Amino acid sequence: MHNVGHTIDPNTIRLHSDGIRVAKVCVALGYRLIVVTNQSGIARGFYTCAAIEQFHQHLAQRLANHGLLIKAWYYCPHHP
Protein backbone atom coordinates (compact mmCIF):
# COMPACT_ATOMS: atom_id res chain seq x y z
CA MET A 1 0.00 0.00 0.00
CA HIS A 2 1.23 3.52 -0.75
CA ASN A 3 1.44 6.04 2.08
CA VAL A 4 -1.10 8.76 1.31
CA GLY A 5 -0.91 10.56 4.64
CA HIS A 6 -3.78 10.87 7.08
CA THR A 7 -6.62 9.29 5.16
CA ILE A 8 -9.19 6.62 5.81
CA ASP A 9 -10.71 6.81 2.34
CA PRO A 10 -10.82 3.22 1.00
CA ASN A 11 -10.48 4.63 -2.52
CA THR A 12 -6.87 5.56 -1.71
CA ILE A 13 -5.85 1.90 -1.27
CA ARG A 14 -3.50 0.75 -4.00
CA LEU A 15 -2.21 -2.77 -3.49
CA HIS A 16 1.20 -3.66 -4.94
CA SER A 17 1.31 -6.88 -6.95
CA ASP A 18 4.77 -7.64 -5.49
CA GLY A 19 3.39 -7.22 -1.97
CA ILE A 20 0.52 -9.59 -2.71
CA ARG A 21 2.96 -12.14 -4.13
CA VAL A 22 5.29 -11.90 -1.12
CA ALA A 23 2.36 -12.19 1.31
CA LYS A 24 1.19 -15.35 -0.48
CA VAL A 25 4.69 -16.84 -0.25
CA CYS A 26 4.79 -16.05 3.48
CA VAL A 27 1.42 -17.75 4.02
CA ALA A 28 2.59 -20.77 2.01
CA LEU A 29 5.62 -20.98 4.33
CA GLY A 30 3.33 -21.09 7.36
CA TYR A 31 3.46 -17.46 8.50
CA ARG A 32 0.36 -15.62 9.68
CA LEU A 33 -0.33 -12.15 8.36
CA ILE A 34 -0.89 -9.31 10.83
CA VAL A 35 -1.10 -5.53 10.41
CA VAL A 36 0.63 -3.16 12.81
CA THR A 37 0.23 0.54 12.13
CA ASN A 38 0.51 3.97 13.69
CA GLN A 39 -2.75 5.92 13.56
CA SER A 40 -1.88 9.22 15.24
CA GLY A 41 -4.69 10.82 13.22
CA ILE A 42 -7.06 9.47 15.89
CA ALA A 43 -5.33 11.47 18.66
CA ARG A 44 -5.19 14.48 16.35
CA GLY A 45 -8.95 14.30 15.76
CA PHE A 46 -8.74 13.54 12.02
CA TYR A 47 -10.83 10.35 12.38
CA THR A 48 -12.15 7.91 14.98
CA CYS A 49 -11.24 4.39 16.03
CA ALA A 50 -14.50 3.21 14.45
CA ALA A 51 -13.49 4.80 11.14
CA ILE A 52 -10.10 3.03 11.25
CA GLU A 53 -11.82 -0.28 11.92
CA GLN A 54 -14.10 0.25 8.90
CA PHE A 55 -11.02 1.05 6.81
CA HIS A 56 -9.41 -2.17 8.03
CA GLN A 57 -12.53 -4.14 7.11
CA HIS A 58 -12.43 -2.72 3.59
CA LEU A 59 -8.72 -3.53 3.27
CA ALA A 60 -9.32 -7.04 4.65
CA GLN A 61 -11.93 -7.64 1.95
CA ARG A 62 -9.59 -6.41 -0.76
CA LEU A 63 -6.87 -8.76 0.50
CA ALA A 64 -9.36 -11.63 0.81
CA ASN A 65 -10.11 -11.16 -2.89
CA HIS A 66 -6.46 -12.18 -3.39
CA GLY A 67 -6.79 -15.16 -1.06
CA LEU A 68 -5.08 -13.43 1.87
CA LEU A 69 -6.44 -13.41 5.43
CA ILE A 70 -5.19 -10.95 8.02
CA LYS A 71 -5.11 -12.81 11.35
CA ALA A 72 -4.85 -9.71 13.57
CA TRP A 73 -4.97 -5.92 13.34
CA TYR A 74 -3.09 -3.68 15.78
CA TYR A 75 -2.88 0.10 15.71
CA CYS A 76 -1.61 2.81 17.98
CA PRO A 77 -4.10 5.69 18.29
CA HIS A 78 -1.75 7.94 20.26
CA HIS A 79 0.39 10.94 19.42
CA PRO A 80 3.09 12.36 21.72
PDB file of N, CA and C in Angstrom:
ATOM      1  N   MET A   1       0.840  -1.164   0.000  1.00  0.00           N
ATOM      2  CA  MET A   1       0.000   0.000   0.000  1.00  0.00           C
ATOM      3  C   MET A   1       0.890   1.233   0.000  1.00  0.00           C
ATOM      4  N   HIS A   2       0.504   2.254  -0.735  1.00  0.00           N
ATOM      5  CA  HIS A   2       1.226   3.524  -0.751  1.00  0.00           C
ATOM      6  C   HIS A   2       0.823   4.362   0.458  1.00  0.00           C
ATOM      7  N   ASN A   3       1.752   5.130   0.994  1.00  0.00           N
ATOM      8  CA  ASN A   3       1.439   6.042   2.081  1.00  0.00           C
ATOM      9  C   ASN A   3       0.831   7.298   1.477  1.00  0.00           C
ATOM     10  N   VAL A   4      -0.408   7.577   1.828  1.00  0.00           N
ATOM     11  CA  VAL A   4      -1.095   8.762   1.309  1.00  0.00           C
ATOM     12  C   VAL A   4      -1.431   9.740   2.440  1.00  0.00           C
ATOM     13  N   GLY A   5      -0.694   9.648   3.526  1.00  0.00           N
ATOM     14  CA  GLY A   5      -0.914  10.563   4.635  1.00  0.00           C
ATOM     15  C   GLY A   5      -2.098  10.157   5.488  1.00  0.00           C
ATOM     16  N   HIS A   6      -2.664  11.121   6.159  1.00  0.00           N
ATOM     17  CA  HIS A   6      -3.780  10.870   7.077  1.00  0.00           C
ATOM     18  C   HIS A   6      -5.079  10.741   6.294  1.00  0.00           C
ATOM     19  N   THR A   7      -5.376   9.531   5.872  1.00  0.00           N
ATOM     20  CA  THR A   7      -6.620   9.292   5.161  1.00  0.00           C
ATOM     21  C   THR A   7      -7.206   7.958   5.588  1.00  0.00           C
ATOM     22  N   ILE A   8      -8.502   7.887   5.579  1.00  0.00           N
ATOM     23  CA  ILE A   8      -9.192   6.622   5.808  1.00  0.00           C
ATOM     24  C   ILE A   8     -10.144   6.355   4.652  1.00  0.00           C
ATOM     25  N   ASP A   9      -9.894   6.992   3.544  1.00  0.00           N
ATOM     26  CA  ASP A   9     -10.707   6.806   2.343  1.00  0.00           C
ATOM     27  C   ASP A   9     -10.293   5.505   1.663  1.00  0.00           C
ATOM     28  N   PRO A  10     -11.175   4.507   1.613  1.00  0.00           N
ATOM     29  CA  PRO A  10     -10.823   3.224   0.997  1.00  0.00           C
ATOM     30  C   PRO A  10     -10.416   3.354  -0.472  1.00  0.00           C
ATOM     31  N   ASN A  11     -10.837   4.429  -1.118  1.00  0.00           N
ATOM     32  CA  ASN A  11     -10.476   4.626  -2.522  1.00  0.00           C
ATOM     33  C   ASN A  11      -8.997   4.949  -2.714  1.00  0.00           C
ATOM     34  N   THR A  12      -8.294   5.254  -1.611  1.00  0.00           N
ATOM     35  CA  THR A  12      -6.868   5.556  -1.715  1.00  0.00           C
ATOM     36  C   THR A  12      -6.002   4.296  -1.649  1.00  0.00           C
ATOM     37  N   ILE A  13      -6.615   3.150  -1.380  1.00  0.00           N
ATOM     38  CA  ILE A  13      -5.854   1.905  -1.271  1.00  0.00           C
ATOM     39  C   ILE A  13      -5.389   1.464  -2.657  1.00  0.00           C
ATOM     40  N   ARG A  14      -4.079   1.309  -2.781  1.00  0.00           N
ATOM     41  CA  ARG A  14      -3.498   0.747  -4.000  1.00  0.00           C
ATOM     42  C   ARG A  14      -2.585  -0.396  -3.567  1.00  0.00           C
ATOM     43  N   LEU A  15      -2.985  -1.600  -3.870  1.00  0.00           N
ATOM     44  CA  LEU A  15      -2.206  -2.775  -3.492  1.00  0.00           C
ATOM     45  C   LEU A  15      -1.113  -3.013  -4.530  1.00  0.00           C
ATOM     46  N   HIS A  16       0.070  -3.348  -4.061  1.00  0.00           N
ATOM     47  CA  HIS A  16       1.198  -3.663  -4.941  1.00  0.00           C
ATOM     48  C   HIS A  16       1.169  -5.146  -5.290  1.00  0.00           C
ATOM     49  N   SER A  17       1.315  -5.468  -6.546  1.00  0.00           N
ATOM     50  CA  SER A  17       1.311  -6.880  -6.954  1.00  0.00           C
ATOM     51  C   SER A  17       2.477  -7.628  -6.306  1.00  0.00           C
ATOM     52  N   ASP A  18       3.635  -6.983  -6.151  1.00  0.00           N
ATOM     53  CA  ASP A  18       4.771  -7.637  -5.492  1.00  0.00           C
ATOM     54  C   ASP A  18       4.461  -7.928  -4.033  1.00  0.00           C
ATOM     55  N   GLY A  19       3.763  -7.007  -3.368  1.00  0.00           N
ATOM     56  CA  GLY A  19       3.393  -7.219  -1.973  1.00  0.00           C
ATOM     57  C   GLY A  19       2.420  -8.367  -1.815  1.00  0.00           C
ATOM     58  N   ILE A  20       1.475  -8.470  -2.730  1.00  0.00           N
ATOM     59  CA  ILE A  20       0.522  -9.590  -2.710  1.00  0.00           C
ATOM     60  C   ILE A  20       1.273 -10.900  -2.906  1.00  0.00           C
ATOM     61  N   ARG A  21       2.184 -10.920  -3.851  1.00  0.00           N
ATOM     62  CA  ARG A  21       2.963 -12.136  -4.134  1.00  0.00           C
ATOM     63  C   ARG A  21       3.784 -12.547  -2.913  1.00  0.00           C
ATOM     64  N   VAL A  22       4.468 -11.599  -2.293  1.00  0.00           N
ATOM     65  CA  VAL A  22       5.287 -11.902  -1.117  1.00  0.00           C
ATOM     66  C   VAL A  22       4.412 -12.391   0.036  1.00  0.00           C
ATOM     67  N   ALA A  23       3.265 -11.763   0.239  1.00  0.00           N
ATOM     68  CA  ALA A  23       2.361 -12.192   1.309  1.00  0.00           C
ATOM     69  C   ALA A  23       1.899 -13.628   1.078  1.00  0.00           C
ATOM     70  N   LYS A  24       1.614 -13.974  -0.174  1.00  0.00           N
ATOM     71  CA  LYS A  24       1.190 -15.346  -0.478  1.00  0.00           C
ATOM     72  C   LYS A  24       2.311 -16.343  -0.216  1.00  0.00           C
ATOM     73  N   VAL A  25       3.538 -15.970  -0.524  1.00  0.00           N
ATOM     74  CA  VAL A  25       4.685 -16.844  -0.247  1.00  0.00           C
ATOM     75  C   VAL A  25       4.820 -17.039   1.261  1.00  0.00           C
ATOM     76  N   CYS A  26       4.683 -15.950   2.023  1.00  0.00           N
ATOM     77  CA  CYS A  26       4.786 -16.047   3.483  1.00  0.00           C
ATOM     78  C   CYS A  26       3.731 -16.993   4.051  1.00  0.00           C
ATOM     79  N   VAL A  27       2.506 -16.868   3.566  1.00  0.00           N
ATOM     80  CA  VAL A  27       1.423 -17.745   4.022  1.00  0.00           C
ATOM     81  C   VAL A  27       1.745 -19.194   3.656  1.00  0.00           C
ATOM     82  N   ALA A  28       2.240 -19.414   2.450  1.00  0.00           N
ATOM     83  CA  ALA A  28       2.588 -20.769   2.014  1.00  0.00           C
ATOM     84  C   ALA A  28       3.691 -21.372   2.887  1.00  0.00           C
ATOM     85  N   LEU A  29       4.545 -20.524   3.445  1.00  0.00           N
ATOM     86  CA  LEU A  29       5.615 -20.985   4.328  1.00  0.00           C
ATOM     87  C   LEU A  29       5.157 -21.163   5.777  1.00  0.00           C
ATOM     88  N   GLY A  30       3.874 -20.865   6.027  1.00  0.00           N
ATOM     89  CA  GLY A  30       3.327 -21.088   7.361  1.00  0.00           C
ATOM     90  C   GLY A  30       3.222 -19.857   8.237  1.00  0.00           C
ATOM     91  N   TYR A  31       3.566 -18.689   7.714  1.00  0.00           N
ATOM     92  CA  TYR A  31       3.456 -17.464   8.497  1.00  0.00           C
ATOM     93  C   TYR A  31       2.012 -16.972   8.519  1.00  0.00           C
ATOM     94  N   ARG A  32       1.662 -16.270   9.577  1.00  0.00           N
ATOM     95  CA  ARG A  32       0.361 -15.620   9.680  1.00  0.00           C
ATOM     96  C   ARG A  32       0.550 -14.135   9.383  1.00  0.00           C
ATOM     97  N   LEU A  33      -0.413 -13.559   8.709  1.00  0.00           N
ATOM     98  CA  LEU A  33      -0.335 -12.146   8.358  1.00  0.00           C
ATOM     99  C   LEU A  33      -1.021 -11.297   9.427  1.00  0.00           C
ATOM    100  N   ILE A  34      -0.313 -10.277   9.895  1.00  0.00           N
ATOM    101  CA  ILE A  34      -0.888  -9.305  10.825  1.00  0.00           C
ATOM    102  C   ILE A  34      -0.570  -7.906  10.308  1.00  0.00           C
ATOM    103  N   VAL A  35      -1.338  -6.935  10.754  1.00  0.00           N
ATOM    104  CA  VAL A  35      -1.103  -5.533  10.407  1.00  0.00           C
ATOM    105  C   VAL A  35      -0.817  -4.782  11.695  1.00  0.00           C
ATOM    106  N   VAL A  36       0.271  -4.023  11.697  1.00  0.00           N
ATOM    107  CA  VAL A  36       0.633  -3.155  12.815  1.00  0.00           C
ATOM    108  C   VAL A  36       0.864  -1.772  12.222  1.00  0.00           C
ATOM    109  N   THR A  37       0.139  -0.785  12.736  1.00  0.00           N
ATOM    110  CA  THR A  37       0.231   0.541  12.134  1.00  0.00           C
ATOM    111  C   THR A  37       0.067   1.644  13.171  1.00  0.00           C
ATOM    112  N   ASN A  38       0.652   2.772  12.877  1.00  0.00           N
ATOM    113  CA  ASN A  38       0.514   3.969  13.693  1.00  0.00           C
ATOM    114  C   ASN A  38      -0.659   4.771  13.143  1.00  0.00           C
ATOM    115  N   GLN A  39      -1.591   5.129  13.984  1.00  0.00           N
ATOM    116  CA  GLN A  39      -2.753   5.924  13.559  1.00  0.00           C
ATOM    117  C   GLN A  39      -2.882   7.159  14.445  1.00  0.00           C
ATOM    118  N   SER A  40      -1.862   8.003  14.413  1.00  0.00           N
ATOM    119  CA  SER A  40      -1.880   9.216  15.243  1.00  0.00           C
ATOM    120  C   SER A  40      -2.982  10.179  14.830  1.00  0.00           C
ATOM    121  N   GLY A  41      -3.566   9.977  13.661  1.00  0.00           N
ATOM    122  CA  GLY A  41      -4.687  10.816  13.225  1.00  0.00           C
ATOM    123  C   GLY A  41      -5.876  10.720  14.160  1.00  0.00           C
ATOM    124  N   ILE A  42      -5.984   9.615  14.905  1.00  0.00           N
ATOM    125  CA  ILE A  42      -7.062   9.473  15.887  1.00  0.00           C
ATOM    126  C   ILE A  42      -6.847  10.488  17.007  1.00  0.00           C
ATOM    127  N   ALA A  43      -5.640  10.524  17.577  1.00  0.00           N
ATOM    128  CA  ALA A  43      -5.332  11.470  18.656  1.00  0.00           C
ATOM    129  C   ALA A  43      -5.427  12.912  18.176  1.00  0.00           C
ATOM    130  N   ARG A  44      -5.142  13.127  16.913  1.00  0.00           N
ATOM    131  CA  ARG A  44      -5.190  14.480  16.346  1.00  0.00           C
ATOM    132  C   ARG A  44      -6.605  14.898  15.951  1.00  0.00           C
ATOM    133  N   GLY A  45      -7.561  13.972  16.060  1.00  0.00           N
ATOM    134  CA  GLY A  45      -8.946  14.296  15.763  1.00  0.00           C
ATOM    135  C   GLY A  45      -9.313  14.238  14.292  1.00  0.00           C
ATOM    136  N   PHE A  46      -8.455  13.634  13.461  1.00  0.00           N
ATOM    137  CA  PHE A  46      -8.740  13.543  12.024  1.00  0.00           C
ATOM    138  C   PHE A  46      -9.805  12.489  11.725  1.00  0.00           C
ATOM    139  N   TYR A  47      -9.856  11.433  12.547  1.00  0.00           N
ATOM    140  CA  TYR A  47     -10.828  10.354  12.377  1.00  0.00           C
ATOM    141  C   TYR A  47     -10.929   9.577  13.684  1.00  0.00           C
ATOM    142  N   THR A  48     -11.886   8.664  13.749  1.00  0.00           N
ATOM    143  CA  THR A  48     -12.153   7.914  14.981  1.00  0.00           C
ATOM    144  C   THR A  48     -11.628   6.483  14.883  1.00  0.00           C
ATOM    145  N   CYS A  49     -11.601   5.818  16.016  1.00  0.00           N
ATOM    146  CA  CYS A  49     -11.239   4.393  16.031  1.00  0.00           C
ATOM    147  C   CYS A  49     -12.211   3.587  15.180  1.00  0.00           C
ATOM    148  N   ALA A  50     -13.491   3.930  15.250  1.00  0.00           N
ATOM    149  CA  ALA A  50     -14.496   3.214  14.453  1.00  0.00           C
ATOM    150  C   ALA A  50     -14.223   3.376  12.961  1.00  0.00           C
ATOM    151  N   ALA A  51     -13.796   4.556  12.552  1.00  0.00           N
ATOM    152  CA  ALA A  51     -13.488   4.795  11.136  1.00  0.00           C
ATOM    153  C   ALA A  51     -12.283   3.968  10.701  1.00  0.00           C
ATOM    154  N   ILE A  52     -11.282   3.849  11.573  1.00  0.00           N
ATOM    155  CA  ILE A  52     -10.104   3.030  11.251  1.00  0.00           C
ATOM    156  C   ILE A  52     -10.522   1.571  11.116  1.00  0.00           C
ATOM    157  N   GLU A  53     -11.377   1.111  11.990  1.00  0.00           N
ATOM    158  CA  GLU A  53     -11.821  -0.279  11.923  1.00  0.00           C
ATOM    159  C   GLU A  53     -12.606  -0.547  10.637  1.00  0.00           C
ATOM    160  N   GLN A  54     -13.397   0.407  10.187  1.00  0.00           N
ATOM    161  CA  GLN A  54     -14.099   0.253   8.903  1.00  0.00           C
ATOM    162  C   GLN A  54     -13.099   0.211   7.750  1.00  0.00           C
ATOM    163  N   PHE A  55     -12.083   1.050   7.827  1.00  0.00           N
ATOM    164  CA  PHE A  55     -11.025   1.053   6.809  1.00  0.00           C
ATOM    165  C   PHE A  55     -10.338  -0.308   6.777  1.00  0.00           C
ATOM    166  N   HIS A  56     -10.043  -0.845   7.949  1.00  0.00           N
ATOM    167  CA  HIS A  56      -9.409  -2.165   8.032  1.00  0.00           C
ATOM    168  C   HIS A  56     -10.309  -3.244   7.433  1.00  0.00           C
ATOM    169  N   GLN A  57     -11.600  -3.159   7.685  1.00  0.00           N
ATOM    170  CA  GLN A  57     -12.532  -4.137   7.109  1.00  0.00           C
ATOM    171  C   GLN A  57     -12.514  -4.075   5.586  1.00  0.00           C
ATOM    172  N   HIS A  58     -12.478  -2.877   5.050  1.00  0.00           N
ATOM    173  CA  HIS A  58     -12.428  -2.724   3.594  1.00  0.00           C
ATOM    174  C   HIS A  58     -11.128  -3.317   3.049  1.00  0.00           C
ATOM    175  N   LEU A  59     -10.014  -2.995   3.700  1.00  0.00           N
ATOM    176  CA  LEU A  59      -8.722  -3.525   3.271  1.00  0.00           C
ATOM    177  C   LEU A  59      -8.699  -5.046   3.397  1.00  0.00           C
ATOM    178  N   ALA A  60      -9.270  -5.581   4.466  1.00  0.00           N
ATOM    179  CA  ALA A  60      -9.323  -7.038   4.652  1.00  0.00           C
ATOM    180  C   ALA A  60     -10.080  -7.701   3.505  1.00  0.00           C
ATOM    181  N   GLN A  61     -11.168  -7.081   3.072  1.00  0.00           N
ATOM    182  CA  GLN A  61     -11.934  -7.638   1.948  1.00  0.00           C
ATOM    183  C   GLN A  61     -11.122  -7.603   0.657  1.00  0.00           C
ATOM    184  N   ARG A  62     -10.424  -6.509   0.446  1.00  0.00           N
ATOM    185  CA  ARG A  62      -9.588  -6.406  -0.761  1.00  0.00           C
ATOM    186  C   ARG A  62      -8.511  -7.492  -0.758  1.00  0.00           C
ATOM    187  N   LEU A  63      -7.900  -7.730   0.397  1.00  0.00           N
ATOM    188  CA  LEU A  63      -6.873  -8.759   0.495  1.00  0.00           C
ATOM    189  C   LEU A  63      -7.482 -10.150   0.369  1.00  0.00           C
ATOM    190  N   ALA A  64      -8.669 -10.339   0.925  1.00  0.00           N
ATOM    191  CA  ALA A  64      -9.357 -11.629   0.813  1.00  0.00           C
ATOM    192  C   ALA A  64      -9.637 -11.958  -0.656  1.00  0.00           C
ATOM    193  N   ASN A  65      -9.892 -10.942  -1.451  1.00  0.00           N
ATOM    194  CA  ASN A  65     -10.108 -11.158  -2.887  1.00  0.00           C
ATOM    195  C   ASN A  65      -8.875 -11.748  -3.565  1.00  0.00           C
ATOM    196  N   HIS A  66      -7.717 -11.601  -2.896  1.00  0.00           N
ATOM    197  CA  HIS A  66      -6.465 -12.176  -3.393  1.00  0.00           C
ATOM    198  C   HIS A  66      -6.101 -13.452  -2.634  1.00  0.00           C
ATOM    199  N   GLY A  67      -7.033 -13.935  -1.819  1.00  0.00           N
ATOM    200  CA  GLY A  67      -6.793 -15.157  -1.062  1.00  0.00           C
ATOM    201  C   GLY A  67      -5.965 -14.957   0.192  1.00  0.00           C
ATOM    202  N   LEU A  68      -5.892 -13.736   0.683  1.00  0.00           N
ATOM    203  CA  LEU A  68      -5.083 -13.427   1.867  1.00  0.00           C
ATOM    204  C   LEU A  68      -5.985 -13.080   3.044  1.00  0.00           C
ATOM    205  N   LEU A  69      -5.673 -13.652   4.211  1.00  0.00           N
ATOM    206  CA  LEU A  69      -6.436 -13.413   5.427  1.00  0.00           C
ATOM    207  C   LEU A  69      -5.525 -12.772   6.464  1.00  0.00           C
ATOM    208  N   ILE A  70      -5.924 -11.611   6.950  1.00  0.00           N
ATOM    209  CA  ILE A  70      -5.185 -10.948   8.020  1.00  0.00           C
ATOM    210  C   ILE A  70      -5.665 -11.553   9.340  1.00  0.00           C
ATOM    211  N   LYS A  71      -4.746 -12.127  10.101  1.00  0.00           N
ATOM    212  CA  LYS A  71      -5.105 -12.812  11.353  1.00  0.00           C
ATOM    213  C   LYS A  71      -5.344 -11.844  12.502  1.00  0.00           C
ATOM    214  N   ALA A  72      -4.679 -10.678  12.489  1.00  0.00           N
ATOM    215  CA  ALA A  72      -4.846  -9.710  13.574  1.00  0.00           C
ATOM    216  C   ALA A  72      -4.515  -8.313  13.065  1.00  0.00           C
ATOM    217  N   TRP A  73      -5.186  -7.332  13.655  1.00  0.00           N
ATOM    218  CA  TRP A  73      -4.969  -5.918  13.336  1.00  0.00           C
ATOM    219  C   TRP A  73      -4.601  -5.206  14.627  1.00  0.00           C
ATOM    220  N   TYR A  74      -3.510  -4.466  14.625  1.00  0.00           N
ATOM    221  CA  TYR A  74      -3.095  -3.676  15.778  1.00  0.00           C
ATOM    222  C   TYR A  74      -2.787  -2.265  15.295  1.00  0.00           C
ATOM    223  N   TYR A  75      -3.241  -1.272  16.057  1.00  0.00           N
ATOM    224  CA  TYR A  75      -2.875   0.099  15.711  1.00  0.00           C
ATOM    225  C   TYR A  75      -2.693   0.914  16.980  1.00  0.00           C
ATOM    226  N   CYS A  76      -1.853   1.902  16.878  1.00  0.00           N
ATOM    227  CA  CYS A  76      -1.606   2.813  17.983  1.00  0.00           C
ATOM    228  C   CYS A  76      -2.355   4.107  17.691  1.00  0.00           C
ATOM    229  N   PRO A  77      -3.318   4.488  18.535  1.00  0.00           N
ATOM    230  CA  PRO A  77      -4.099   5.690  18.291  1.00  0.00           C
ATOM    231  C   PRO A  77      -3.518   6.942  18.947  1.00  0.00           C
ATOM    232  N   HIS A  78      -2.314   6.855  19.462  1.00  0.00           N
ATOM    233  CA  HIS A  78      -1.746   7.941  20.258  1.00  0.00           C
ATOM    234  C   HIS A  78      -0.825   8.845  19.444  1.00  0.00           C
ATOM    235  N   HIS A  79      -0.578  10.004  19.992  1.00  0.00           N
ATOM    236  CA  HIS A  79       0.385  10.938  19.421  1.00  0.00           C
ATOM    237  C   HIS A  79       1.066  11.618  20.617  1.00  0.00           C
ATOM    238  N   PRO A  80       2.379  11.772  20.547  1.00  0.00           N
ATOM    239  CA  PRO A  80       3.094  12.364  21.715  1.00  0.00           C
ATOM    240  C   PRO A  80       2.488  13.675  22.186  1.00  0.00           C
TER     241      PRO A  80
END
